[in-house]
């Protein structure tokens, strides 16, 4: 009887022990479930904050600051910092909250000069560079693996300072990356409760770093789209300005056939041409190539065209016109911009062409030889330098006027280097020699048909390749 009672008591004890253990495990599971739920909610809230921040299209620095602020609120850390990986492949602190300790030893001079800890942190973050693999932060960035340091005083990878307020007791560092792109490292230091970070904290910071990587990637993508839209708007405005500069109609002059063709390599080109009446017998013809693209080049074109038309009506000599043009535009041009230009005056009463060339391609004049009757196509040589490239004194000393006959059946073709410098698959340029041959071959065609024939010849030569530069032609044919 006593034996049976002993067995029953033992069984009851075991059952009781199992019961208490089961209750403890249930409590642990409930607590763990609550922790997971809490961690999940923190991450969800963090994601919500990131989405709201993206909705305001923040600057990159503002987004990083949102990340460190959320990290402190979520983990209870005293301080947090984001280290961004720069183009130089070095890590640098870009956002900090709290008194985050520097990751390198401080020189004695900096301890003396700095008066406040806030200023100290600001200066250190701007100057401190960390190599990949250097210290804890560099190691996390290089290995792309999160690290939990429960007792930082025992870890050689953590830099400790004499100042007790900068002591690191516990630390978590997690990599911020998106796919194959390494962005930086999120680090939190010292829980406010004085205890060490644990695996739950590590999991939380790691989850936040993953979401931060996605948020930064999306922010960069959004900013790129905004920047692209701004560029597209600039290009559209520049293109509209450029189209307004190009003449829609040509002067109607007896016995003169005129045509111009302009094909930009991009949405906004750097070429300009203008054809306008000076008086009933003379017309001004200009072709130019402006360095650069976009709004600056378009504005420079506008200024150039306006000044050219002004001086062409007050001065008869083309050389004097471009001299004044260069002098007037010197103050409006940046040091890295210039304009190559040819300005010609076609006089149908005198049957002459007078021109001045400012570093531009020499125009071609096709005409029959007076003695043999053989057709020639020759460059109109004239010395000169690009507008805006040298001082007015040097420009004036070099520029010269060239006068040539422009008799019946003569053809004058002005062009930009986008015509002659087009290359084929072997890298051979179309060249002014080939252009001259095409002009002679197509001399019986109208000015428009001649321009179209030149473009077709260039396309055949290059095999239909995309234009490498703007292509501009101005053709005048003495009927």
Protein backbone atom coordinates (compact mmCIF):
# COMPACT_ATOMS: atom_id res chain seq x y z
CA UNK A 1 0.00 0.00 0.00
CA UNK A 2 2.82 2.41 0.90
CA UNK A 3 4.62 1.44 -2.30
CA UNK A 4 1.56 2.22 -4.44
CA UNK A 5 1.08 5.54 -2.60
CA UNK A 6 4.72 6.46 -3.23
CA UNK A 7 4.32 5.72 -6.94
CA UNK A 8 1.16 7.79 -7.10
CA UNK A 9 2.82 10.72 -5.32
CA UNK A 10 5.81 10.49 -7.66
CA UNK A 11 3.54 10.44 -10.68
CA UNK A 12 1.63 13.41 -9.35
CA UNK A 13 4.90 15.30 -8.83
CA UNK A 14 6.04 14.53 -12.36
CA UNK A 15 2.68 15.55 -13.81
CA UNK A 16 2.78 18.74 -11.78
CA UNK A 17 6.28 19.48 -12.99
CA UNK A 18 5.25 18.83 -16.59
CA UNK A 19 2.24 21.06 -16.10
CA UNK A 20 4.30 23.95 -14.75
CA UNK A 21 6.85 23.48 -17.54
CA UNK A 22 4.06 23.46 -20.11
CA UNK A 23 2.61 26.63 -18.64
CA UNK A 24 6.05 28.25 -18.70
CA UNK A 25 6.57 27.25 -22.33
CA UNK A 26 3.14 28.61 -23.19
CA UNK A 27 4.00 31.89 -21.43
CA UNK A 28 7.33 31.98 -23.30
CA UNK A 29 5.58 31.32 -26.60
CA UNK A 30 3.02 34.01 -25.88
CA UNK A 31 5.82 36.45 -24.94
CA UNK A 32 7.81 35.52 -28.05
CA UNK A 33 4.69 35.92 -30.16
CA UNK A 34 4.10 39.34 -28.63
CA UNK A 35 7.73 40.30 -29.33
CA UNK A 36 7.44 39.16 -32.95
CA UNK A 37 4.17 41.03 -33.29
CA UNK A 38 5.73 44.12 -31.74
CA UNK A 39 8.79 43.84 -33.99
CA UNK A 40 6.55 43.37 -37.02
CA UNK A 41 4.53 46.44 -36.06
CA UNK A 42 7.72 48.50 -35.64
CA UNK A 43 8.88 47.48 -39.12
CA UNK A 44 5.45 48.21 -40.57
CA UNK A 45 5.45 51.64 -38.91
CA UNK A 46 8.96 52.23 -40.22
CA UNK A 47 7.88 51.30 -43.73
CA UNK A 48 4.91 53.65 -43.39
CA UNK A 49 7.22 56.46 -42.31
CA UNK A 50 9.49 55.79 -45.27
CA UNK A 51 6.55 55.84 -47.68
CA UNK A 52 5.36 59.15 -46.24
CA UNK A 53 8.88 60.54 -46.50
CA UNK A 54 9.09 59.47 -50.14
CA UNK A 55 5.76 61.13 -50.79
CA UNK A 56 7.35 64.44 -49.84
CA UNK A 57 10.26 63.78 -52.28
CA UNK A 58 12.89 64.48 -49.60
CA UNK A 59 16.52 65.22 -50.15
CA UNK A 60 18.80 62.24 -49.64
CA UNK A 61 20.11 63.66 -46.34
CA UNK A 62 16.58 64.08 -45.01
CA UNK A 63 15.74 60.46 -45.79
CA UNK A 64 18.86 59.25 -43.99
CA UNK A 65 17.86 61.37 -41.00
CA UNK A 66 14.40 59.77 -40.99
CA UNK A 67 16.08 56.36 -40.88
CA UNK A 68 18.29 57.09 -37.85
CA UNK A 69 15.39 58.71 -35.99
CA UNK A 70 13.18 55.66 -36.59
CA UNK A 71 16.02 53.35 -35.51
CA UNK A 72 16.34 55.11 -32.16
CA UNK A 73 12.60 55.06 -31.51
CA UNK A 74 12.35 51.39 -32.42
CA UNK A 75 15.35 50.01 -30.53
CA UNK A 76 15.54 52.38 -27.58
CA UNK A 77 19.16 53.17 -28.47
CA UNK A 78 20.79 56.34 -27.19
CA UNK A 79 22.26 57.16 -30.60
CA UNK A 80 22.27 55.99 -34.20
CA UNK A 81 24.14 56.80 -37.37
CA UNK A 82 23.97 56.03 -41.09
CA UNK A 83 27.30 55.64 -42.89
CA UNK A 84 26.96 56.07 -46.65
CA UNK A 85 29.27 54.39 -49.15
CA UNK A 86 30.54 57.12 -51.47
CA UNK A 87 31.84 57.04 -55.03
CA UNK A 88 35.35 56.85 -53.61
CA UNK A 89 34.36 53.48 -52.05
CA UNK A 90 34.74 54.96 -48.57
CA UNK A 91 32.15 55.11 -45.79
CA UNK A 92 31.20 58.43 -44.22
CA UNK A 93 28.63 59.41 -41.63
CA UNK A 94 25.79 61.32 -43.28
CA UNK A 95 23.05 61.30 -40.63
CA UNK A 96 23.28 61.05 -36.85
CA UNK A 97 21.00 61.37 -33.83
CA UNK A 98 22.22 61.39 -30.27
CA UNK A 99 25.84 61.44 -29.17
CA UNK A 100 27.14 58.83 -31.61
CA UNK A 101 30.81 58.00 -30.92
CA UNK A 102 33.35 58.42 -33.74
CA UNK A 103 34.65 55.17 -35.19
CA UNK A 104 38.30 56.25 -35.20
CA UNK A 105 40.58 57.55 -32.43
CA UNK A 106 40.54 61.31 -32.03
CA UNK A 107 43.72 63.40 -32.35
CA UNK A 108 44.60 65.47 -29.31
CA UNK A 109 44.28 68.72 -31.28
CA UNK A 110 40.62 68.06 -32.04
CA UNK A 111 39.84 67.51 -28.35
CA UNK A 112 41.22 70.93 -27.49
CA UNK A 113 39.63 72.91 -30.33
CA UNK A 114 36.13 71.50 -30.11
CA UNK A 115 33.94 73.23 -27.59
CA UNK A 116 30.72 71.21 -27.71
CA UNK A 117 29.96 67.57 -28.34
CA UNK A 118 27.42 68.46 -31.03
CA UNK A 119 30.03 70.43 -32.95
CA UNK A 120 32.49 67.65 -32.32
CA UNK A 121 30.21 65.04 -33.88
CA UNK A 122 29.35 67.28 -36.83
CA UNK A 123 33.02 67.89 -37.66
CA UNK A 124 33.99 64.26 -37.24
CA UNK A 125 31.15 63.00 -39.44
CA UNK A 126 32.19 65.38 -42.22
CA UNK A 127 35.85 64.39 -42.07
CA UNK A 128 35.93 60.75 -40.96
CA UNK A 129 36.39 58.23 -43.79
CA UNK A 130 36.18 54.48 -43.24
CA UNK A 131 37.61 51.92 -45.66
CA UNK A 132 35.71 48.77 -46.53
CA UNK A 133 36.78 46.17 -43.99
CA UNK A 134 38.03 48.77 -41.51
CA UNK A 135 36.60 48.42 -38.01
CA UNK A 136 33.14 47.12 -37.31
CA UNK A 137 31.40 49.48 -39.74
CA UNK A 138 33.81 48.68 -42.57
CA UNK A 139 33.52 44.95 -41.90
CA UNK A 140 29.72 45.03 -42.06
CA UNK A 141 29.83 46.98 -45.34
CA UNK A 142 32.37 44.62 -46.88
CA UNK A 143 30.72 41.37 -45.78
CA UNK A 144 27.15 42.68 -46.10
CA UNK A 145 26.27 40.87 -42.90
CA UNK A 146 24.77 42.33 -39.73
CA UNK A 147 26.77 42.22 -36.50
CA UNK A 148 25.57 42.25 -32.88
CA UNK A 149 28.13 43.23 -30.25
CA UNK A 150 26.59 42.59 -26.83
CA UNK A 151 29.71 43.69 -24.89
CA UNK A 152 31.55 46.25 -26.99
CA UNK A 153 34.24 46.77 -24.35
CA UNK A 154 35.58 43.31 -25.20
CA UNK A 155 35.55 43.75 -29.01
CA UNK A 156 38.72 45.05 -30.69
CA UNK A 157 36.75 46.19 -33.74
CA UNK A 158 35.03 48.88 -31.68
CA UNK A 159 36.94 52.10 -31.02
CA UNK A 160 36.67 53.32 -27.43
CA UNK A 161 37.37 56.90 -26.28
CA UNK A 162 38.62 58.45 -23.07
CA UNK A 163 35.45 60.50 -22.80
CA UNK A 164 32.98 58.37 -20.81
CA UNK A 165 30.05 59.93 -22.65
CA UNK A 166 31.41 58.40 -25.87
CA UNK A 167 31.84 54.90 -24.45
CA UNK A 168 30.25 52.13 -26.52
CA UNK A 169 28.78 49.42 -24.32
CA UNK A 170 26.67 47.55 -26.88
CA UNK A 171 26.29 48.01 -30.61
CA UNK A 172 24.44 46.73 -33.68
CA UNK A 173 25.48 47.43 -37.29
CA UNK A 174 23.47 46.29 -40.30
CA UNK A 175 24.25 46.73 -44.01
CA UNK A 176 21.93 48.88 -46.13
CA UNK A 177 21.84 47.58 -49.66
CA UNK A 178 19.45 46.92 -52.52
CA UNK A 179 20.10 43.92 -54.71
CA UNK A 180 23.76 44.19 -55.75
CA UNK A 181 24.11 47.84 -54.80
CA UNK A 182 25.78 48.59 -51.46
CA UNK A 183 24.40 51.82 -49.99
CA UNK A 184 25.81 52.02 -46.48
CA UNK A 185 25.53 50.86 -42.88
CA UNK A 186 22.94 51.56 -40.17
CA UNK A 187 24.41 51.48 -36.65
CA UNK A 188 22.81 51.86 -33.21
CA UNK A 189 24.69 52.23 -29.94
CA UNK A 190 23.90 51.70 -26.24
CA UNK A 191 20.32 50.81 -25.20
CA UNK A 192 18.76 53.46 -22.96
CA UNK A 193 17.93 50.83 -20.29
CA UNK A 194 21.64 50.19 -19.71
CA UNK A 195 21.42 46.56 -20.81
CA UNK A 196 22.94 44.95 -23.89
CA UNK A 197 21.28 44.59 -27.28
CA UNK A 198 19.97 41.08 -27.95
CA UNK A 199 19.07 38.94 -30.96
CA UNK A 200 15.61 40.48 -31.12
CA UNK A 201 17.16 43.94 -31.42
CA UNK A 202 19.50 42.61 -34.12
CA UNK A 203 16.60 41.19 -36.09
CA UNK A 204 14.75 44.49 -35.78
CA UNK A 205 17.68 46.64 -36.95
CA UNK A 206 18.40 44.23 -39.78
CA UNK A 207 14.77 44.43 -40.94
CA UNK A 208 14.86 48.21 -40.77
CA UNK A 209 18.10 48.30 -42.78
CA UNK A 210 16.50 46.15 -45.47
CA UNK A 211 13.51 48.46 -45.68
CA UNK A 212 15.82 51.48 -45.63
CA UNK A 213 17.71 50.08 -48.63
CA UNK A 214 14.47 49.77 -50.58
CA UNK A 215 13.37 53.27 -49.52
CA UNK A 216 16.68 54.87 -50.54
CA UNK A 217 16.66 53.04 -53.87
CA UNK A 218 13.11 54.25 -54.56
CA UNK A 219 14.04 57.78 -53.48
CA UNK A 220 17.04 57.81 -55.81
CA UNK A 221 14.87 56.46 -58.62
CA UNK A 222 12.22 59.08 -57.92
CA UNK A 223 14.79 61.89 -57.86
CA UNK A 224 16.27 60.63 -61.12
CA UNK A 225 12.82 60.71 -62.70
CA UNK A 226 12.27 64.25 -61.42
CA UNK A 227 15.68 65.31 -62.72
CA UNK A 228 14.93 63.66 -66.06
CA UNK A 229 11.66 65.57 -66.30
CA UNK A 230 13.51 68.81 -65.57
CA UNK A 231 16.06 67.98 -68.25
CA UNK A 232 13.29 67.07 -70.69
CA UNK A 233 11.59 70.38 -69.94
CA UNK A 234 14.87 72.25 -70.47
CA UNK A 235 15.41 70.42 -73.74
CA UNK A 236 11.88 71.18 -74.88
CA UNK A 237 12.28 74.87 -74.08
CA UNK A 238 15.68 74.93 -75.78
CA UNK A 239 14.25 73.15 -78.82
CA UNK A 240 11.38 75.66 -79.01
CA UNK A 241 13.84 78.56 -78.80
CA UNK A 242 15.94 77.00 -81.52
CA UNK A 243 12.97 76.45 -83.82
CA UNK A 244 11.95 80.10 -83.39
CA UNK A 245 15.43 81.17 -84.52
CA UNK A 246 15.33 79.25 -87.78
CA UNK A 247 13.73 81.25 -90.63
CA UNK A 248 10.41 79.85 -91.78
CA UNK A 249 10.49 81.64 -95.12
CA UNK A 250 13.38 82.71 -97.32
CA UNK A 251 13.75 86.08 -99.05
CA UNK A 252 12.26 86.18 -102.55
CA UNK A 253 15.08 87.34 -104.81
CA UNK A 254 14.98 87.20 -108.60
CA UNK A 255 17.21 84.50 -110.14
CA UNK A 256 18.14 83.07 -106.73
CA UNK A 257 17.01 79.64 -105.50
CA UNK A 258 17.44 79.18 -101.72
CA UNK A 259 17.00 76.19 -99.44
CA UNK A 260 18.15 75.19 -95.97
CA UNK A 261 18.08 71.80 -94.25
CA UNK A 262 18.65 71.21 -90.57
CA UNK A 263 18.71 67.81 -88.84
CA UNK A 264 19.80 67.80 -85.17
CA UNK A 265 21.53 64.71 -83.82
CA UNK A 266 19.63 65.15 -80.52
CA UNK A 267 16.52 66.95 -79.38
CA UNK A 268 18.49 70.16 -79.12
CA UNK A 269 21.36 70.83 -81.50
CA UNK A 270 24.13 73.37 -81.53
CA UNK A 271 23.76 74.54 -85.14
CA UNK A 272 22.20 77.77 -86.37
CA UNK A 273 21.50 79.21 -89.80
CA UNK A 274 19.86 82.45 -90.88
CA UNK A 275 18.90 83.95 -94.23
CA UNK A 276 17.55 87.51 -94.40
CA UNK A 277 17.19 90.50 -96.74
CA UNK A 278 19.60 93.40 -96.35
CA UNK A 279 18.14 95.43 -99.24
CA UNK A 280 16.41 94.67 -102.52
CA UNK A 281 19.60 93.33 -104.13
CA UNK A 282 21.50 91.84 -101.19
CA UNK A 283 20.76 89.04 -98.73
CA UNK A 284 22.66 88.00 -95.64
CA UNK A 285 23.42 84.32 -95.12
CA UNK A 286 24.87 82.87 -91.94
CA UNK A 287 25.62 79.41 -90.66
CA UNK A 288 27.01 78.74 -87.19
CA UNK A 289 27.89 75.97 -84.76
CA UNK A 290 27.55 76.83 -81.06
CA UNK A 291 29.56 74.80 -78.57
CA UNK A 292 27.44 73.07 -75.94
CA UNK A 293 23.78 72.10 -75.90
CA UNK A 294 20.57 72.91 -74.05
CA UNK A 295 19.31 76.22 -72.72
CA UNK A 296 22.73 78.00 -72.57
CA UNK A 297 23.48 77.20 -76.21
CA UNK A 298 19.97 78.22 -77.30
CA UNK A 299 20.22 81.55 -75.48
CA UNK A 300 23.63 82.12 -77.05
CA UNK A 301 22.12 81.42 -80.46
CA UNK A 302 19.41 84.01 -79.79
CA UNK A 303 21.95 86.67 -78.85
CA UNK A 304 24.14 85.80 -81.83
CA UNK A 305 21.28 85.98 -84.32
CA UNK A 306 19.95 89.29 -82.95
CA UNK A 307 23.38 90.95 -82.98
CA UNK A 308 24.19 89.59 -86.42
CA UNK A 309 21.04 91.03 -87.95
CA UNK A 310 21.64 94.36 -86.23
CA UNK A 311 25.20 94.82 -87.42
CA UNK A 312 24.44 93.51 -90.91
CA UNK A 313 22.10 96.47 -91.44
CA UNK A 314 24.56 99.07 -90.16
CA UNK A 315 27.79 97.71 -91.67
CA UNK A 316 28.39 96.56 -95.24
CA UNK A 317 31.68 94.73 -94.82
CA UNK A 318 31.10 91.14 -93.53
CA UNK A 319 34.46 91.23 -91.71
CA UNK A 320 33.42 94.37 -89.82
CA UNK A 321 30.07 92.76 -88.99
CA UNK A 322 31.65 89.71 -87.32
CA UNK A 323 34.23 91.92 -85.58
CA UNK A 324 31.45 93.88 -83.92
CA UNK A 325 29.55 90.65 -83.28
CA UNK A 326 32.56 89.19 -81.46
CA UNK A 327 33.05 92.39 -79.46
CA UNK A 328 29.36 92.56 -78.47
CA UNK A 329 29.16 88.91 -77.41
CA UNK A 330 32.40 88.73 -75.44
CA UNK A 331 30.64 89.67 -72.20
CA UNK A 332 27.77 87.20 -72.74
CA UNK A 333 29.84 84.07 -73.31
CA UNK A 334 31.31 81.69 -70.76
CA UNK A 335 34.98 80.84 -71.05
CA UNK A 336 34.13 77.30 -72.18
CA UNK A 337 31.75 78.38 -74.98
CA UNK A 338 32.41 79.68 -78.47
CA UNK A 339 30.75 79.99 -81.88
CA UNK A 340 32.13 79.07 -85.28
CA UNK A 341 30.38 81.06 -88.00
CA UNK A 342 30.37 82.03 -91.67
CA UNK A 343 28.63 85.24 -92.64
CA UNK A 344 28.16 85.91 -96.36
CA UNK A 345 26.54 88.73 -98.31
CA UNK A 346 25.15 87.70 -101.69
CA UNK A 347 24.85 90.68 -104.05
CA UNK A 348 22.66 89.79 -107.03
CA UNK A 349 23.29 93.16 -108.72
CA UNK A 350 27.08 92.80 -108.67
CA UNK A 351 26.94 88.97 -108.93
CA UNK A 352 29.36 88.57 -106.04
CA UNK A 353 29.62 86.87 -102.67
CA UNK A 354 31.50 88.56 -99.86
CA UNK A 355 32.12 86.53 -96.75
CA UNK A 356 33.97 86.39 -93.46
CA UNK A 357 34.74 83.06 -91.77
CA UNK A 358 35.10 82.65 -88.01
CA UNK A 359 36.73 79.25 -87.56
CA UNK A 360 33.91 77.48 -89.42
CA UNK A 361 34.07 74.99 -92.30
CA UNK A 362 34.87 76.71 -95.59
CA UNK A 363 31.82 77.02 -97.87
CA UNK A 364 31.97 75.37 -101.28
CA UNK A 365 31.34 77.22 -104.54
CA UNK A 366 30.46 75.14 -107.61
CA UNK A 367 30.76 76.84 -111.01
CA UNK A 368 31.84 76.12 -114.58
CA UNK A 369 35.40 77.05 -115.51
CA UNK A 370 35.38 80.08 -117.81
CA UNK A 371 37.96 78.61 -120.18
CA UNK A 372 37.35 74.86 -120.27
CA UNK A 373 33.72 74.77 -119.21
CA UNK A 374 34.55 71.97 -116.75
CA UNK A 375 32.63 72.18 -113.50
CA UNK A 376 34.67 73.04 -110.42
CA UNK A 377 33.71 72.92 -106.74
CA UNK A 378 36.18 74.84 -104.63
CA UNK A 379 36.38 75.96 -100.99
CA UNK A 380 36.04 79.68 -100.31
CA UNK A 381 39.16 80.33 -98.26
CA UNK A 382 39.08 83.04 -95.62
CA UNK A 383 41.06 83.38 -92.38
CA UNK A 384 39.38 83.88 -89.01
CA UNK A 385 38.95 82.58 -85.46
CA UNK A 386 35.86 81.43 -83.57
CA UNK A 387 33.73 84.06 -81.83
CA UNK A 388 34.37 84.23 -78.10
CA UNK A 389 37.62 82.29 -78.25
CA UNK A 390 40.19 85.12 -78.20
CA UNK A 391 40.36 88.82 -77.33
CA UNK A 392 38.78 91.32 -79.77
CA UNK A 393 42.24 92.66 -80.64
CA UNK A 394 43.51 89.25 -81.75
CA UNK A 395 40.21 88.40 -83.45
CA UNK A 396 40.25 91.65 -85.48
CA UNK A 397 43.86 91.09 -86.54
CA UNK A 398 43.10 87.64 -88.01
CA UNK A 399 39.67 88.08 -89.63
CA UNK A 400 39.53 88.88 -93.35
CA UNK A 401 36.93 89.42 -96.06
CA UNK A 402 36.86 87.26 -99.17
CA UNK A 403 35.09 88.35 -102.36
CA UNK A 404 34.36 85.96 -105.24
CA UNK A 405 32.20 86.06 -108.38
CA UNK A 406 28.74 84.51 -108.15
CA UNK A 407 27.77 84.16 -111.80
CA UNK A 408 24.87 82.41 -113.47
CA UNK A 409 24.66 78.66 -112.67
CA UNK A 410 26.97 79.06 -109.65
CA UNK A 411 26.04 77.14 -106.50
CA UNK A 412 27.07 78.23 -103.01
CA UNK A 413 26.81 75.57 -100.27
CA UNK A 414 27.38 76.38 -96.59
CA UNK A 415 27.48 73.47 -94.15
CA UNK A 416 28.47 72.38 -90.64
CA UNK A 417 30.96 69.67 -89.72
CA UNK A 418 28.07 67.30 -89.09
CA UNK A 419 28.03 66.74 -92.86
CA UNK A 420 31.69 66.20 -93.63
CA UNK A 421 32.69 64.42 -90.40
CA UNK A 422 30.09 61.66 -90.60
CA UNK A 423 31.93 58.33 -90.68
CA UNK A 424 31.21 54.93 -92.19
CA UNK A 425 31.73 51.54 -90.56
CA UNK A 426 35.46 51.72 -91.26
CA UNK A 427 35.78 55.08 -89.50
CA UNK A 428 36.34 56.98 -92.78
CA UNK A 429 34.85 60.49 -92.90
CA UNK A 430 32.50 61.64 -95.64
CA UNK A 431 34.84 64.66 -96.14
CA UNK A 432 34.50 67.92 -98.01
CA UNK A 433 35.95 66.24 -101.10
CA UNK A 434 33.05 63.81 -101.33
CA UNK A 435 30.64 66.64 -100.65
CA UNK A 436 32.13 68.60 -103.56
CA UNK A 437 31.70 65.58 -105.85
CA UNK A 438 28.04 65.22 -104.84
CA UNK A 439 27.38 68.92 -105.50
CA UNK A 440 28.89 68.69 -108.99
CA UNK A 441 26.92 65.52 -109.74
CA UNK A 442 23.61 67.04 -108.60
CA UNK A 443 24.25 70.58 -109.93
CA UNK A 444 21.22 70.54 -112.26
CA UNK A 445 18.77 69.99 -109.42
CA UNK A 446 16.97 72.69 -107.46
CA UNK A 447 18.43 73.93 -104.18
CA UNK A 448 16.01 71.78 -102.17
CA UNK A 449 16.63 68.67 -104.27
CA UNK A 450 20.37 69.28 -103.99
CA UNK A 451 20.22 69.42 -100.19
CA UNK A 452 18.12 66.27 -100.08
CA UNK A 453 20.52 64.53 -102.45
CA UNK A 454 23.48 65.44 -100.20
CA UNK A 455 21.75 63.94 -97.17
CA UNK A 456 20.90 60.78 -99.11
CA UNK A 457 24.55 60.48 -100.18
CA UNK A 458 25.69 60.85 -96.57
CA UNK A 459 23.19 58.19 -95.45
CA UNK A 460 24.39 55.76 -98.12
CA UNK A 461 28.02 56.39 -97.18
CA UNK A 462 27.42 55.75 -93.47
CA UNK A 463 25.04 52.85 -93.99
CA UNK A 464 22.15 54.71 -92.38
CA UNK A 465 23.98 55.19 -89.08
CA UNK A 466 22.61 57.58 -86.48
CA UNK A 467 23.91 61.12 -86.89
CA UNK A 468 26.89 61.76 -84.65
CA UNK A 469 26.46 65.52 -84.88
CA UNK A 470 23.95 68.08 -86.12
CA UNK A 471 23.70 68.24 -89.91
CA UNK A 472 22.99 71.64 -91.46
CA UNK A 473 23.04 72.74 -95.10
CA UNK A 474 22.32 76.09 -96.74
CA UNK A 475 22.34 76.11 -100.54
CA UNK A 476 22.01 79.13 -102.86
CA UNK A 477 21.79 78.60 -106.60
CA UNK A 478 22.14 81.41 -109.17
CA UNK A 479 19.55 80.53 -111.79
